[in-house]
Amino acid sequence: MKVFKNILFVSNGVREEAEAIQQAVHLAVNGDAALTIAIICPAFDANLDEYQKSYEAFLLEKMRQTVARAKS
């Protein structure tokens, strides 16, 4: 099996990605690799700045929960 030292997981935060995250965490742990997660979301209009901040916070929390479940 190929060993990876740096793993990048890219998400748009919309789909349920628990299985994919679990695989990425498994690869990172087994290979003693760094796992970086990038969540890509659309830019909001300037007048919706408040909504963008809460949307980003929601995406981050959702990803934290998914990673926590994947680790257990």
Protein backbone atom coordinates (compact mmCIF):
# COMPACT_ATOMS: atom_id res chain seq x y z
CA MET A 1 0.00 0.00 0.00
CA LYS A 2 1.27 3.45 -0.89
CA VAL A 3 2.15 5.65 2.08
CA PHE A 4 1.07 9.30 2.09
CA LYS A 5 2.65 11.95 4.30
CA ASN A 6 0.28 14.82 3.47
CA ILE A 7 -3.40 14.29 2.75
CA LEU A 8 -5.73 17.03 1.53
CA PHE A 9 -9.47 16.44 1.87
CA VAL A 10 -11.55 18.99 -0.05
CA SER A 11 -15.24 19.43 0.72
CA ASN A 12 -18.05 21.77 -0.17
CA GLY A 13 -19.70 20.92 3.13
CA VAL A 14 -23.02 20.01 1.55
CA ARG A 15 -22.95 16.22 1.28
CA GLU A 16 -22.69 13.67 4.04
CA GLU A 17 -19.01 12.74 3.91
CA ALA A 18 -18.58 10.62 7.01
CA GLU A 19 -17.32 7.58 5.12
CA ALA A 20 -14.84 9.57 3.04
CA ILE A 21 -13.58 11.45 6.11
CA GLN A 22 -13.22 8.14 7.94
CA GLN A 23 -11.05 6.82 5.11
CA ALA A 24 -8.91 9.97 5.13
CA VAL A 25 -8.46 9.79 8.92
CA HIS A 26 -7.59 6.09 8.64
CA LEU A 27 -4.96 6.80 5.97
CA ALA A 28 -3.51 9.65 8.03
CA VAL A 29 -3.31 7.63 11.25
CA ASN A 30 -1.88 4.52 9.63
CA GLY A 31 0.66 6.47 7.60
CA ASP A 32 1.53 8.97 10.34
CA ALA A 33 0.49 11.64 7.86
CA ALA A 34 -0.84 15.16 8.18
CA LEU A 35 -4.51 15.56 7.25
CA THR A 36 -5.69 18.96 6.05
CA ILE A 37 -9.36 19.60 5.40
CA ALA A 38 -10.38 22.45 3.08
CA ILE A 39 -14.03 23.48 2.99
CA ILE A 40 -14.90 25.48 -0.09
CA CYS A 41 -17.97 27.69 0.08
CA PRO A 42 -19.32 30.42 -2.19
CA ALA A 43 -18.67 34.07 -1.52
CA PHE A 44 -21.66 36.03 -0.26
CA ASP A 45 -22.54 39.57 -1.30
CA ALA A 46 -21.10 42.24 1.00
CA ASN A 47 -24.52 43.01 2.49
CA LEU A 48 -24.80 39.37 3.62
CA ASP A 49 -21.57 39.35 5.64
CA GLU A 50 -23.38 38.28 8.83
CA TYR A 51 -24.91 35.30 7.08
CA GLN A 52 -21.59 34.24 5.58
CA LYS A 53 -19.95 34.17 9.02
CA SER A 54 -22.72 32.01 10.48
CA TYR A 55 -22.68 29.75 7.41
CA GLU A 56 -18.92 29.28 7.72
CA ALA A 57 -19.26 28.55 11.44
CA PHE A 58 -21.95 25.97 10.64
CA LEU A 59 -19.73 24.27 8.05
CA LEU A 60 -16.77 24.16 10.45
CA GLU A 61 -18.85 22.69 13.26
CA LYS A 62 -20.40 20.12 10.94
CA MET A 63 -16.92 19.07 9.77
CA ARG A 64 -15.62 18.90 13.36
CA GLN A 65 -18.48 16.58 14.28
CA THR A 66 -17.89 14.42 11.22
CA VAL A 67 -14.18 14.11 12.00
CA ALA A 68 -14.94 13.27 15.64
CA ARG A 69 -17.31 10.50 14.55
CA ALA A 70 -14.73 9.23 12.07
CA LYS A 71 -12.07 9.03 14.79
CA SER A 72 -14.28 6.98 17.10
